[in-house]
């Protein structure tokens, strides 16, 4: 939920604050897929569809949409719940960001293979 310090004098939340939240949310599935350290390498697209206001409750959804040898592209959608008593929900932002998996020297590294076998099954 953005606070007054995140907004201009009219109560409109700064785009940079929203961008930071989107980057954080997008990094979570990217780091999970990379199984470790990542870095943001591109903001492929970023669209502000509606303003965000102080007091809006934001919900952010992030999904991996493409995986390369070292990179992970993530789609992020942001929804604002306005007027919490009447629960008006508005899609305010959508973005696509690309992250790269990095090693301990912060150099690109290959992504680990996916574990497609699923969770281990317990046997009696």
N, C-alpha and C. Protein backbone atom coordinates (compact mmCIF):
# COMPACT_ATOMS: atom_id res chain seq x y z
N UNK A 1 0.85 -1.17 0.00
CA UNK A 1 0.00 0.00 0.00
C UNK A 1 0.90 1.24 0.00
N UNK A 2 0.78 2.08 -1.03
CA UNK A 2 1.61 3.29 -1.06
C UNK A 2 1.20 4.28 0.02
N UNK A 3 2.18 4.96 0.54
CA UNK A 3 1.98 5.94 1.61
C UNK A 3 2.23 7.34 1.08
N UNK A 4 1.92 8.38 1.84
CA UNK A 4 2.09 9.75 1.36
C UNK A 4 3.50 10.07 0.87
N UNK A 5 4.52 9.48 1.46
CA UNK A 5 5.90 9.74 1.01
C UNK A 5 6.17 9.18 -0.39
N UNK A 6 5.30 8.29 -0.88
CA UNK A 6 5.46 7.67 -2.19
C UNK A 6 4.72 8.44 -3.28
N UNK A 7 4.17 9.61 -2.94
CA UNK A 7 3.30 10.33 -3.88
C UNK A 7 3.66 11.81 -3.97
N UNK A 8 3.12 12.43 -5.02
CA UNK A 8 3.29 13.87 -5.17
C UNK A 8 2.28 14.60 -4.28
N UNK A 9 2.25 15.92 -4.36
CA UNK A 9 1.38 16.69 -3.46
C UNK A 9 -0.10 16.49 -3.73
N UNK A 10 -0.44 15.88 -4.87
CA UNK A 10 -1.84 15.63 -5.21
C UNK A 10 -2.29 14.22 -4.83
N UNK A 11 -1.39 13.41 -4.26
CA UNK A 11 -1.75 12.06 -3.85
C UNK A 11 -1.56 11.01 -4.92
N UNK A 12 -0.98 11.39 -6.07
CA UNK A 12 -0.69 10.42 -7.15
C UNK A 12 0.66 9.77 -6.87
N UNK A 13 0.68 8.45 -6.85
CA UNK A 13 1.91 7.72 -6.52
C UNK A 13 2.91 7.85 -7.67
N UNK A 14 4.17 8.04 -7.31
CA UNK A 14 5.24 8.17 -8.29
C UNK A 14 5.38 6.90 -9.11
N UNK A 15 5.54 7.06 -10.43
CA UNK A 15 5.75 5.91 -11.31
C UNK A 15 6.98 5.11 -10.92
N UNK A 16 8.02 5.77 -10.45
CA UNK A 16 9.24 5.08 -10.04
C UNK A 16 9.00 4.15 -8.86
N UNK A 17 8.11 4.54 -7.95
CA UNK A 17 7.77 3.67 -6.81
C UNK A 17 7.08 2.41 -7.32
N UNK A 18 6.15 2.60 -8.26
CA UNK A 18 5.44 1.45 -8.83
C UNK A 18 6.43 0.56 -9.57
N UNK A 19 7.34 1.16 -10.33
CA UNK A 19 8.34 0.38 -11.07
C UNK A 19 9.19 -0.46 -10.12
N UNK A 20 9.55 0.09 -8.98
CA UNK A 20 10.35 -0.66 -8.00
C UNK A 20 9.57 -1.86 -7.48
N UNK A 21 8.28 -1.67 -7.19
CA UNK A 21 7.46 -2.78 -6.70
C UNK A 21 7.33 -3.87 -7.77
N UNK A 22 7.18 -3.46 -9.03
CA UNK A 22 7.08 -4.40 -10.15
C UNK A 22 8.38 -5.19 -10.29
N UNK A 23 9.52 -4.51 -10.16
CA UNK A 23 10.81 -5.19 -10.27
C UNK A 23 10.99 -6.21 -9.15
N UNK A 24 10.60 -5.85 -7.96
CA UNK A 24 10.69 -6.79 -6.83
C UNK A 24 9.80 -8.01 -7.09
N UNK A 25 8.55 -7.76 -7.48
CA UNK A 25 7.61 -8.87 -7.72
C UNK A 25 8.10 -9.75 -8.88
N UNK A 26 8.59 -9.15 -9.94
CA UNK A 26 9.08 -9.93 -11.08
C UNK A 26 10.32 -10.74 -10.75
N UNK A 27 11.12 -10.24 -9.82
CA UNK A 27 12.35 -10.95 -9.48
C UNK A 27 12.09 -12.24 -8.72
N UNK A 28 10.95 -12.34 -8.05
CA UNK A 28 10.68 -13.54 -7.24
C UNK A 28 10.56 -14.81 -8.08
N UNK A 29 9.70 -14.87 -9.11
CA UNK A 29 9.67 -16.09 -9.92
C UNK A 29 10.95 -16.28 -10.74
N UNK A 30 11.61 -15.17 -11.10
CA UNK A 30 12.87 -15.29 -11.84
C UNK A 30 13.95 -15.93 -10.98
N UNK A 31 14.08 -15.49 -9.74
CA UNK A 31 15.09 -16.06 -8.83
C UNK A 31 14.77 -17.52 -8.51
N UNK A 32 13.48 -17.82 -8.40
CA UNK A 32 13.06 -19.21 -8.14
C UNK A 32 13.47 -20.09 -9.31
N UNK A 33 13.21 -19.62 -10.55
CA UNK A 33 13.56 -20.41 -11.74
C UNK A 33 15.08 -20.52 -11.89
N UNK A 34 15.80 -19.45 -11.57
CA UNK A 34 17.26 -19.45 -11.69
C UNK A 34 17.91 -20.22 -10.55
N UNK A 35 17.14 -20.49 -9.51
CA UNK A 35 17.66 -21.17 -8.32
C UNK A 35 18.84 -20.39 -7.74
N UNK A 36 18.69 -19.07 -7.67
CA UNK A 36 19.76 -18.26 -7.11
C UNK A 36 19.74 -16.83 -7.59
N UNK A 37 20.90 -16.24 -7.53
CA UNK A 37 21.08 -14.82 -7.83
C UNK A 37 20.65 -14.48 -9.25
N UNK A 38 20.01 -13.31 -9.39
CA UNK A 38 19.63 -12.79 -10.70
C UNK A 38 19.88 -11.29 -10.72
N UNK A 39 19.83 -10.71 -11.91
CA UNK A 39 19.91 -9.26 -12.07
C UNK A 39 18.91 -8.85 -13.14
N UNK A 40 18.28 -7.71 -12.95
CA UNK A 40 17.38 -7.17 -13.97
C UNK A 40 18.23 -6.65 -15.11
N UNK A 41 17.94 -7.12 -16.35
CA UNK A 41 18.74 -6.63 -17.48
C UNK A 41 17.91 -5.81 -18.47
N UNK A 42 16.58 -5.93 -18.42
CA UNK A 42 15.77 -5.15 -19.35
C UNK A 42 14.36 -4.96 -18.82
N UNK A 43 13.84 -3.79 -19.09
CA UNK A 43 12.42 -3.54 -18.93
C UNK A 43 11.90 -3.48 -20.36
N UNK A 44 11.33 -4.57 -20.81
CA UNK A 44 10.91 -4.69 -22.21
C UNK A 44 9.71 -3.82 -22.52
N UNK A 45 8.79 -3.74 -21.57
CA UNK A 45 7.63 -2.85 -21.73
C UNK A 45 7.11 -2.51 -20.34
N UNK A 46 6.49 -1.33 -20.27
CA UNK A 46 5.93 -0.87 -19.00
C UNK A 46 4.81 0.09 -19.35
N UNK A 47 3.59 -0.25 -19.00
CA UNK A 47 2.44 0.58 -19.33
C UNK A 47 1.69 0.93 -18.05
N UNK A 48 1.54 2.24 -17.83
CA UNK A 48 0.71 2.73 -16.74
C UNK A 48 -0.68 2.95 -17.31
N UNK A 49 -1.63 2.11 -16.94
CA UNK A 49 -2.99 2.18 -17.48
C UNK A 49 -3.87 3.15 -16.72
N UNK A 50 -3.69 3.22 -15.41
CA UNK A 50 -4.47 4.11 -14.55
C UNK A 50 -3.56 4.58 -13.42
N UNK A 51 -3.84 5.73 -12.84
CA UNK A 51 -3.01 6.20 -11.72
C UNK A 51 -3.22 5.34 -10.47
N UNK A 52 -2.22 5.38 -9.62
CA UNK A 52 -2.29 4.74 -8.30
C UNK A 52 -2.32 5.86 -7.29
N UNK A 53 -3.17 5.71 -6.27
CA UNK A 53 -3.34 6.75 -5.27
C UNK A 53 -2.89 6.26 -3.90
N UNK A 54 -2.50 7.20 -3.06
CA UNK A 54 -2.20 6.88 -1.67
C UNK A 54 -3.42 6.17 -1.09
N UNK A 55 -3.19 5.05 -0.43
CA UNK A 55 -4.28 4.29 0.19
C UNK A 55 -4.78 3.14 -0.66
N UNK A 56 -4.41 3.09 -1.96
CA UNK A 56 -4.78 1.93 -2.78
C UNK A 56 -4.07 0.69 -2.25
N UNK A 57 -4.74 -0.42 -2.25
CA UNK A 57 -4.12 -1.69 -1.89
C UNK A 57 -3.71 -2.37 -3.19
N UNK A 58 -2.41 -2.56 -3.40
CA UNK A 58 -1.92 -3.15 -4.64
C UNK A 58 -1.74 -4.65 -4.50
N UNK A 59 -2.12 -5.36 -5.57
CA UNK A 59 -1.85 -6.78 -5.69
C UNK A 59 -1.07 -6.94 -6.98
N UNK A 60 0.04 -7.67 -6.90
CA UNK A 60 0.93 -7.80 -8.05
C UNK A 60 1.09 -9.27 -8.38
N UNK A 61 0.86 -9.60 -9.66
CA UNK A 61 1.01 -10.97 -10.15
C UNK A 61 2.18 -11.02 -11.12
N UNK A 62 3.04 -12.02 -10.97
CA UNK A 62 4.21 -12.16 -11.83
C UNK A 62 4.34 -13.61 -12.27
N UNK A 63 4.51 -13.80 -13.58
CA UNK A 63 4.64 -15.14 -14.15
C UNK A 63 5.78 -15.18 -15.16
N UNK A 64 6.55 -16.26 -15.12
CA UNK A 64 7.59 -16.48 -16.12
C UNK A 64 6.91 -16.77 -17.46
N UNK A 65 7.31 -16.05 -18.51
CA UNK A 65 6.72 -16.27 -19.83
C UNK A 65 7.72 -16.78 -20.85
N UNK A 66 9.02 -16.68 -20.54
CA UNK A 66 10.04 -17.16 -21.48
C UNK A 66 11.32 -17.43 -20.72
N UNK A 67 12.00 -18.50 -21.13
CA UNK A 67 13.27 -18.86 -20.51
C UNK A 67 14.29 -19.11 -21.61
N UNK A 68 15.46 -18.48 -21.48
CA UNK A 68 16.57 -18.70 -22.41
C UNK A 68 17.66 -19.52 -21.73
N UNK A 69 18.88 -19.41 -22.22
CA UNK A 69 19.99 -20.15 -21.60
C UNK A 69 20.39 -19.54 -20.26
N UNK A 70 20.37 -18.20 -20.20
CA UNK A 70 20.73 -17.52 -18.96
C UNK A 70 19.65 -16.55 -18.50
N UNK A 71 18.65 -16.30 -19.34
CA UNK A 71 17.67 -15.25 -19.04
C UNK A 71 16.27 -15.80 -18.77
N UNK A 72 15.52 -15.01 -18.02
CA UNK A 72 14.14 -15.33 -17.67
C UNK A 72 13.31 -14.07 -17.90
N UNK A 73 12.27 -14.19 -18.72
CA UNK A 73 11.38 -13.06 -18.97
C UNK A 73 10.10 -13.26 -18.18
N UNK A 74 9.68 -12.19 -17.51
CA UNK A 74 8.55 -12.26 -16.59
C UNK A 74 7.51 -11.20 -16.96
N UNK A 75 6.25 -11.62 -16.97
CA UNK A 75 5.13 -10.70 -17.16
C UNK A 75 4.59 -10.34 -15.78
N UNK A 76 4.33 -9.04 -15.58
CA UNK A 76 3.85 -8.56 -14.28
C UNK A 76 2.60 -7.72 -14.50
N UNK A 77 1.58 -7.96 -13.69
CA UNK A 77 0.34 -7.16 -13.72
C UNK A 77 0.09 -6.63 -12.31
N UNK A 78 -0.33 -5.36 -12.25
CA UNK A 78 -0.60 -4.71 -10.98
C UNK A 78 -2.06 -4.27 -10.95
N UNK A 79 -2.74 -4.64 -9.87
CA UNK A 79 -4.14 -4.26 -9.66
C UNK A 79 -4.22 -3.43 -8.39
N UNK A 80 -5.06 -2.40 -8.44
CA UNK A 80 -5.28 -1.56 -7.26
C UNK A 80 -6.70 -1.75 -6.78
N UNK A 81 -6.83 -2.00 -5.50
CA UNK A 81 -8.14 -2.06 -4.87
C UNK A 81 -8.38 -0.69 -4.24
N UNK A 82 -9.34 0.00 -4.81
CA UNK A 82 -9.64 1.36 -4.36
C UNK A 82 -10.84 1.33 -3.42
N UNK A 83 -10.96 2.34 -2.60
CA UNK A 83 -12.12 2.45 -1.71
C UNK A 83 -12.39 1.09 -1.07
N UNK A 84 -11.59 0.74 -0.12
CA UNK A 84 -11.61 -0.60 0.46
C UNK A 84 -12.98 -1.05 0.95
N UNK A 85 -13.88 -0.12 1.22
CA UNK A 85 -15.22 -0.51 1.67
C UNK A 85 -16.08 -1.03 0.53
N UNK A 86 -15.86 -0.52 -0.70
CA UNK A 86 -16.66 -0.95 -1.85
C UNK A 86 -15.87 -1.85 -2.80
N UNK A 87 -14.57 -1.98 -2.57
CA UNK A 87 -13.70 -2.92 -3.30
C UNK A 87 -13.76 -2.77 -4.81
N UNK A 88 -13.52 -1.56 -5.30
CA UNK A 88 -13.36 -1.36 -6.75
C UNK A 88 -11.94 -1.80 -7.10
N UNK A 89 -11.80 -2.71 -8.08
CA UNK A 89 -10.48 -3.22 -8.47
C UNK A 89 -10.18 -2.78 -9.89
N UNK A 90 -9.00 -2.18 -10.08
CA UNK A 90 -8.60 -1.62 -11.36
C UNK A 90 -7.20 -2.13 -11.72
N UNK A 91 -7.04 -2.60 -12.96
CA UNK A 91 -5.69 -2.95 -13.43
C UNK A 91 -4.97 -1.65 -13.74
N UNK A 92 -3.89 -1.38 -13.01
CA UNK A 92 -3.22 -0.10 -13.14
C UNK A 92 -1.92 -0.14 -13.94
N UNK A 93 -1.26 -1.29 -13.98
CA UNK A 93 0.04 -1.38 -14.64
C UNK A 93 0.25 -2.78 -15.18
N UNK A 94 0.93 -2.85 -16.34
CA UNK A 94 1.41 -4.14 -16.83
C UNK A 94 2.81 -3.92 -17.37
N UNK A 95 3.64 -4.93 -17.21
CA UNK A 95 5.04 -4.81 -17.60
C UNK A 95 5.60 -6.16 -17.97
N UNK A 96 6.69 -6.12 -18.74
CA UNK A 96 7.47 -7.32 -19.05
C UNK A 96 8.93 -6.96 -18.77
N UNK A 97 9.57 -7.78 -17.93
CA UNK A 97 10.96 -7.55 -17.56
C UNK A 97 11.78 -8.80 -17.83
N UNK A 98 13.06 -8.61 -18.09
CA UNK A 98 13.96 -9.74 -18.29
C UNK A 98 15.06 -9.69 -17.25
N UNK A 99 15.34 -10.84 -16.68
CA UNK A 99 16.37 -11.02 -15.66
C UNK A 99 17.39 -12.00 -16.20
N UNK A 100 18.63 -11.92 -15.70
CA UNK A 100 19.66 -12.89 -16.07
C UNK A 100 20.17 -13.55 -14.80
N UNK A 101 20.37 -14.85 -14.88
CA UNK A 101 20.96 -15.59 -13.76
C UNK A 101 22.44 -15.22 -13.69
N UNK A 102 22.94 -14.98 -12.48
CA UNK A 102 24.34 -14.61 -12.32
C UNK A 102 25.03 -15.49 -11.29
N UNK A 103 26.35 -15.60 -11.44
CA UNK A 103 27.13 -16.39 -10.49
C UNK A 103 27.65 -15.50 -9.37
N UNK A 104 28.50 -16.05 -8.52
CA UNK A 104 29.01 -15.30 -7.37
C UNK A 104 29.85 -14.09 -7.79
N UNK A 105 30.35 -14.08 -9.03
CA UNK A 105 31.10 -12.92 -9.54
C UNK A 105 30.21 -11.97 -10.32
N UNK A 106 28.91 -12.23 -10.27
CA UNK A 106 27.88 -11.42 -10.95
C UNK A 106 28.00 -11.48 -12.47
N UNK A 107 28.51 -12.58 -12.95
CA UNK A 107 28.59 -12.85 -14.39
C UNK A 107 27.44 -13.77 -14.78
N UNK A 108 26.93 -13.67 -16.02
CA UNK A 108 25.83 -14.56 -16.45
C UNK A 108 26.21 -16.03 -16.30
N UNK A 109 25.23 -16.83 -15.91
CA UNK A 109 25.43 -18.28 -15.79
C UNK A 109 24.23 -18.98 -16.42
N UNK A 110 24.44 -20.22 -16.83
CA UNK A 110 23.35 -21.00 -17.42
C UNK A 110 22.33 -21.34 -16.34
N UNK A 111 21.07 -21.37 -16.76
CA UNK A 111 20.00 -21.76 -15.85
C UNK A 111 20.07 -23.25 -15.58
N UNK A 112 19.74 -23.67 -14.38
CA UNK A 112 19.71 -25.11 -14.11
C UNK A 112 18.52 -25.74 -14.83
N UNK A 113 18.61 -27.03 -15.14
CA UNK A 113 17.47 -27.69 -15.78
C UNK A 113 16.28 -27.72 -14.82
N UNK A 114 15.08 -27.76 -15.41
CA UNK A 114 13.89 -27.88 -14.58
C UNK A 114 13.80 -29.27 -14.01
N UNK A 115 13.32 -29.38 -12.78
CA UNK A 115 13.07 -30.67 -12.16
C UNK A 115 11.65 -31.07 -12.56
N UNK A 116 11.55 -31.90 -13.59
CA UNK A 116 10.22 -32.28 -14.11
C UNK A 116 9.67 -33.53 -13.46
N UNK A 117 10.43 -34.16 -12.56
CA UNK A 117 9.95 -35.40 -11.96
C UNK A 117 8.90 -35.15 -10.89
N UNK A 118 8.78 -33.90 -10.41
CA UNK A 118 7.80 -33.59 -9.38
C UNK A 118 8.30 -33.97 -8.01
N UNK A 119 7.49 -33.75 -6.99
CA UNK A 119 7.93 -34.06 -5.64
C UNK A 119 8.05 -35.57 -5.43
N UNK A 120 8.96 -35.90 -4.54
CA UNK A 120 9.15 -37.32 -4.22
C UNK A 120 7.88 -37.88 -3.57
N UNK A 121 7.57 -39.09 -3.90
CA UNK A 121 6.38 -39.76 -3.34
C UNK A 121 6.84 -40.64 -2.17
N UNK A 122 6.10 -40.58 -1.08
CA UNK A 122 6.37 -41.44 0.05
C UNK A 122 5.76 -42.83 -0.23
N UNK A 123 6.52 -43.85 0.12
CA UNK A 123 6.05 -45.23 -0.07
C UNK A 123 6.01 -45.94 1.28
N UNK A 124 5.01 -46.83 1.44
CA UNK A 124 4.90 -47.62 2.67
C UNK A 124 5.78 -48.83 2.59
